[in-house]
Amino acid sequence: MRYWTVLAAFAVVAGCLLLGGAGMRPFGAPRLDAMDQYFNARSQAEVAANNVVTAIVFDYRGYDTLGEATVLFVAVVGVALILRRVKR
């Protein structure tokens, strides 16, 4: 009985993965949007960065990156406070 349950669960999961991936592009196939063309054409002139990824992360999305760094810092401090040893 348990064998059929595991086999049925596996079949359902495999079917969902296959059907869910049916509308996706093959791995690595690019999808060009208007924003991609904008960043590629203007990042050097607007940001003065040779790397487009660096321009996007540190200039166009600077506040978002600052927020992510703040969350990471608070998490590290929280873990350090939880795991510290208290001197008596």
Foldseek 3Di string as FASTA:
>chain_A
DVVVVVVVVVVVVVVCVVVVCPPPDPPPDDDDDPVVVVLVVPQCPPPVDPDSVCSCDCPVCNVVNVVVVVVVVVVVVVVCVVPDDDDD
